[in-house]
Amino acid sequence: MHGPVEVEMKVSIINDETNQKAEATVGFKQFEFPSVEEIKRKLATVIPEMEKSGTKGFRLMTKREAFESWCIEKVGQPMALAGGNEWDEI
């Protein structure tokens, strides 16, 4: 046990057909900090788990899509993002 913590990860997802944006919340073990490997493993299971439960058509957002969505939510307008669409390695 690492401490009195409950770690959750919010994953930005989008449906290309409907352009619906959403967040999937993923939990980790109670009282433990996740390792990089655990984070990668959980991230890789988000979409397959959604499809298994009947929610289809979503994918993980690209870096640009997630940043734009965050800016609109927090600042009220999109902002320029340097770099491409791909996420950096964890």
C-alpha atoms as a PDB file:
ATOM      1  CA  MET A   1       0.000   0.000   0.000  1.00  0.00           C
ATOM      2  CA  HIS A   2       1.440   3.324  -1.075  1.00  0.00           C
ATOM      3  CA  GLY A   3      -0.870   5.742   0.679  1.00  0.00           C
ATOM      4  CA  PRO A   4      -4.443   6.905   1.247  1.00  0.00           C
ATOM      5  CA  VAL A   5      -5.113   7.353  -2.481  1.00  0.00           C
ATOM      6  CA  GLU A   6      -7.539   6.297  -5.172  1.00  0.00           C
ATOM      7  CA  VAL A   7      -6.102   7.010  -8.626  1.00  0.00           C
ATOM      8  CA  GLU A   8      -8.395   7.462 -11.634  1.00  0.00           C
ATOM      9  CA  MET A   9      -7.480   8.284 -15.215  1.00  0.00           C
ATOM     10  CA  LYS A  10      -9.844  10.182 -17.525  1.00  0.00           C
ATOM     11  CA  VAL A  11      -9.407   9.162 -21.157  1.00  0.00           C
ATOM     12  CA  SER A  12     -10.628  11.448 -23.954  1.00  0.00           C
ATOM     13  CA  ILE A  13     -12.515   9.531 -26.650  1.00  0.00           C
ATOM     14  CA  ILE A  14     -14.448  10.470 -29.793  1.00  0.00           C
ATOM     15  CA  ASN A  15     -16.933   8.827 -32.143  1.00  0.00           C
ATOM     16  CA  ASP A  16     -16.024   9.622 -35.766  1.00  0.00           C
ATOM     17  CA  GLU A  17     -19.536   8.951 -37.105  1.00  0.00           C
ATOM     18  CA  THR A  18     -21.409  11.189 -34.651  1.00  0.00           C
ATOM     19  CA  ASN A  19     -18.518  13.470 -33.579  1.00  0.00           C
ATOM     20  CA  GLN A  20     -19.614  12.764 -29.993  1.00  0.00           C
ATOM     21  CA  LYS A  21     -16.832  13.469 -27.511  1.00  0.00           C
ATOM     22  CA  ALA A  22     -16.676  11.794 -24.119  1.00  0.00           C
ATOM     23  CA  GLU A  23     -14.423  10.802 -21.249  1.00  0.00           C
ATOM     24  CA  ALA A  24     -13.929   7.261 -20.054  1.00  0.00           C
ATOM     25  CA  THR A  25     -12.840   6.980 -16.430  1.00  0.00           C
ATOM     26  CA  VAL A  26     -10.477   4.143 -15.594  1.00  0.00           C
ATOM     27  CA  GLY A  27      -9.674   3.164 -12.029  1.00  0.00           C
ATOM     28  CA  PHE A  28      -6.582   1.597 -10.527  1.00  0.00           C
ATOM     29  CA  LYS A  29      -5.947  -0.403  -7.350  1.00  0.00           C
ATOM     30  CA  GLN A  30      -7.011   1.290  -4.131  1.00  0.00           C
ATOM     31  CA  PHE A  31      -4.139   2.700  -2.035  1.00  0.00           C
ATOM     32  CA  GLU A  32      -1.540   2.180  -4.793  1.00  0.00           C
ATOM     33  CA  PHE A  33       0.095   4.401  -7.401  1.00  0.00           C
ATOM     34  CA  PRO A  34       0.005   2.815 -10.866  1.00  0.00           C
ATOM     35  CA  SER A  35       3.215   2.058 -12.725  1.00  0.00           C
ATOM     36  CA  VAL A  36       3.814   3.299 -16.272  1.00  0.00           C
ATOM     37  CA  GLU A  37       3.179  -0.250 -17.493  1.00  0.00           C
ATOM     38  CA  GLU A  38      -0.186  -0.379 -15.693  1.00  0.00           C
ATOM     39  CA  ILE A  39      -1.197   2.971 -17.202  1.00  0.00           C
ATOM     40  CA  LYS A  40      -0.272   1.799 -20.715  1.00  0.00           C
ATOM     41  CA  ARG A  41      -2.109  -1.506 -20.207  1.00  0.00           C
ATOM     42  CA  LYS A  42      -5.271   0.203 -18.965  1.00  0.00           C
ATOM     43  CA  LEU A  43      -5.164   2.774 -21.765  1.00  0.00           C
ATOM     44  CA  ALA A  44      -4.946  -0.043 -24.315  1.00  0.00           C
ATOM     45  CA  THR A  45      -8.075  -1.720 -22.874  1.00  0.00           C
ATOM     46  CA  VAL A  46     -10.421   1.307 -22.830  1.00  0.00           C
ATOM     47  CA  ILE A  47     -11.874   0.900 -26.338  1.00  0.00           C
ATOM     48  CA  PRO A  48     -12.026  -2.939 -26.345  1.00  0.00           C
ATOM     49  CA  GLU A  49     -13.834  -2.884 -22.980  1.00  0.00           C
ATOM     50  CA  MET A  50     -16.342  -0.307 -24.256  1.00  0.00           C
ATOM     51  CA  GLU A  51     -17.027  -2.380 -27.369  1.00  0.00           C
ATOM     52  CA  LYS A  52     -17.437  -5.518 -25.270  1.00  0.00           C
ATOM     53  CA  SER A  53     -20.110  -3.739 -23.225  1.00  0.00           C
ATOM     54  CA  GLY A  54     -21.953  -2.618 -26.384  1.00  0.00           C
ATOM     55  CA  THR A  55     -20.625   0.942 -26.830  1.00  0.00           C
ATOM     56  CA  LYS A  56     -19.223   1.000 -30.349  1.00  0.00           C
ATOM     57  CA  GLY A  57     -17.642   3.521 -32.697  1.00  0.00           C
ATOM     58  CA  PHE A  58     -15.344   5.336 -30.261  1.00  0.00           C
ATOM     59  CA  ARG A  59     -11.573   5.714 -30.456  1.00  0.00           C
ATOM     60  CA  LEU A  60      -8.933   7.499 -28.407  1.00  0.00           C
ATOM     61  CA  MET A  61      -8.585  11.176 -29.332  1.00  0.00           C
ATOM     62  CA  THR A  62      -5.437  12.364 -31.046  1.00  0.00           C
ATOM     63  CA  LYS A  63      -3.254  14.889 -29.258  1.00  0.00           C
ATOM     64  CA  ARG A  64      -4.721  17.727 -31.347  1.00  0.00           C
ATOM     65  CA  GLU A  65      -8.345  16.655 -30.746  1.00  0.00           C
ATOM     66  CA  ALA A  66      -7.848  16.308 -26.991  1.00  0.00           C
ATOM     67  CA  PHE A  67      -5.996  19.620 -26.684  1.00  0.00           C
ATOM     68  CA  GLU A  68      -8.639  21.478 -28.696  1.00  0.00           C
ATOM     69  CA  SER A  69     -11.452  19.935 -26.652  1.00  0.00           C
ATOM     70  CA  TRP A  70      -9.673  20.866 -23.399  1.00  0.00           C
ATOM     71  CA  CYS A  71      -9.053  24.452 -24.569  1.00  0.00           C
ATOM     72  CA  ILE A  72     -12.687  24.949 -25.581  1.00  0.00           C
ATOM     73  CA  GLU A  73     -13.856  23.579 -22.225  1.00  0.00           C
ATOM     74  CA  LYS A  74     -11.400  25.576 -20.101  1.00  0.00           C
ATOM     75  CA  VAL A  75     -10.711  28.744 -22.133  1.00  0.00           C
ATOM     76  CA  GLY A  76     -13.730  28.937 -24.422  1.00  0.00           C
ATOM     77  CA  GLN A  77     -11.830  28.756 -27.707  1.00  0.00           C
ATOM     78  CA  PRO A  78      -9.355  26.504 -29.504  1.00  0.00           C
ATOM     79  CA  MET A  79      -5.659  27.372 -29.351  1.00  0.00           C
ATOM     80  CA  ALA A  80      -2.688  26.452 -31.535  1.00  0.00           C
ATOM     81  CA  LEU A  81      -0.838  23.250 -30.725  1.00  0.00           C
ATOM     82  CA  ALA A  82       2.760  22.763 -31.738  1.00  0.00           C
ATOM     83  CA  GLY A  83       3.658  19.371 -33.140  1.00  0.00           C
ATOM     84  CA  GLY A  84       1.616  16.664 -34.770  1.00  0.00           C
ATOM     85  CA  ASN A  85      -1.330  14.496 -33.813  1.00  0.00           C
ATOM     86  CA  GLU A  86       0.629  11.675 -32.201  1.00  0.00           C
ATOM     87  CA  TRP A  87       1.082  11.386 -28.447  1.00  0.00           C
ATOM     88  CA  ASP A  88       4.538  11.330 -26.903  1.00  0.00           C
ATOM     89  CA  GLU A  89       5.726   8.054 -25.392  1.00  0.00           C
ATOM     90  CA  ILE A  90       4.986   7.735 -21.686  1.00  0.00           C
END
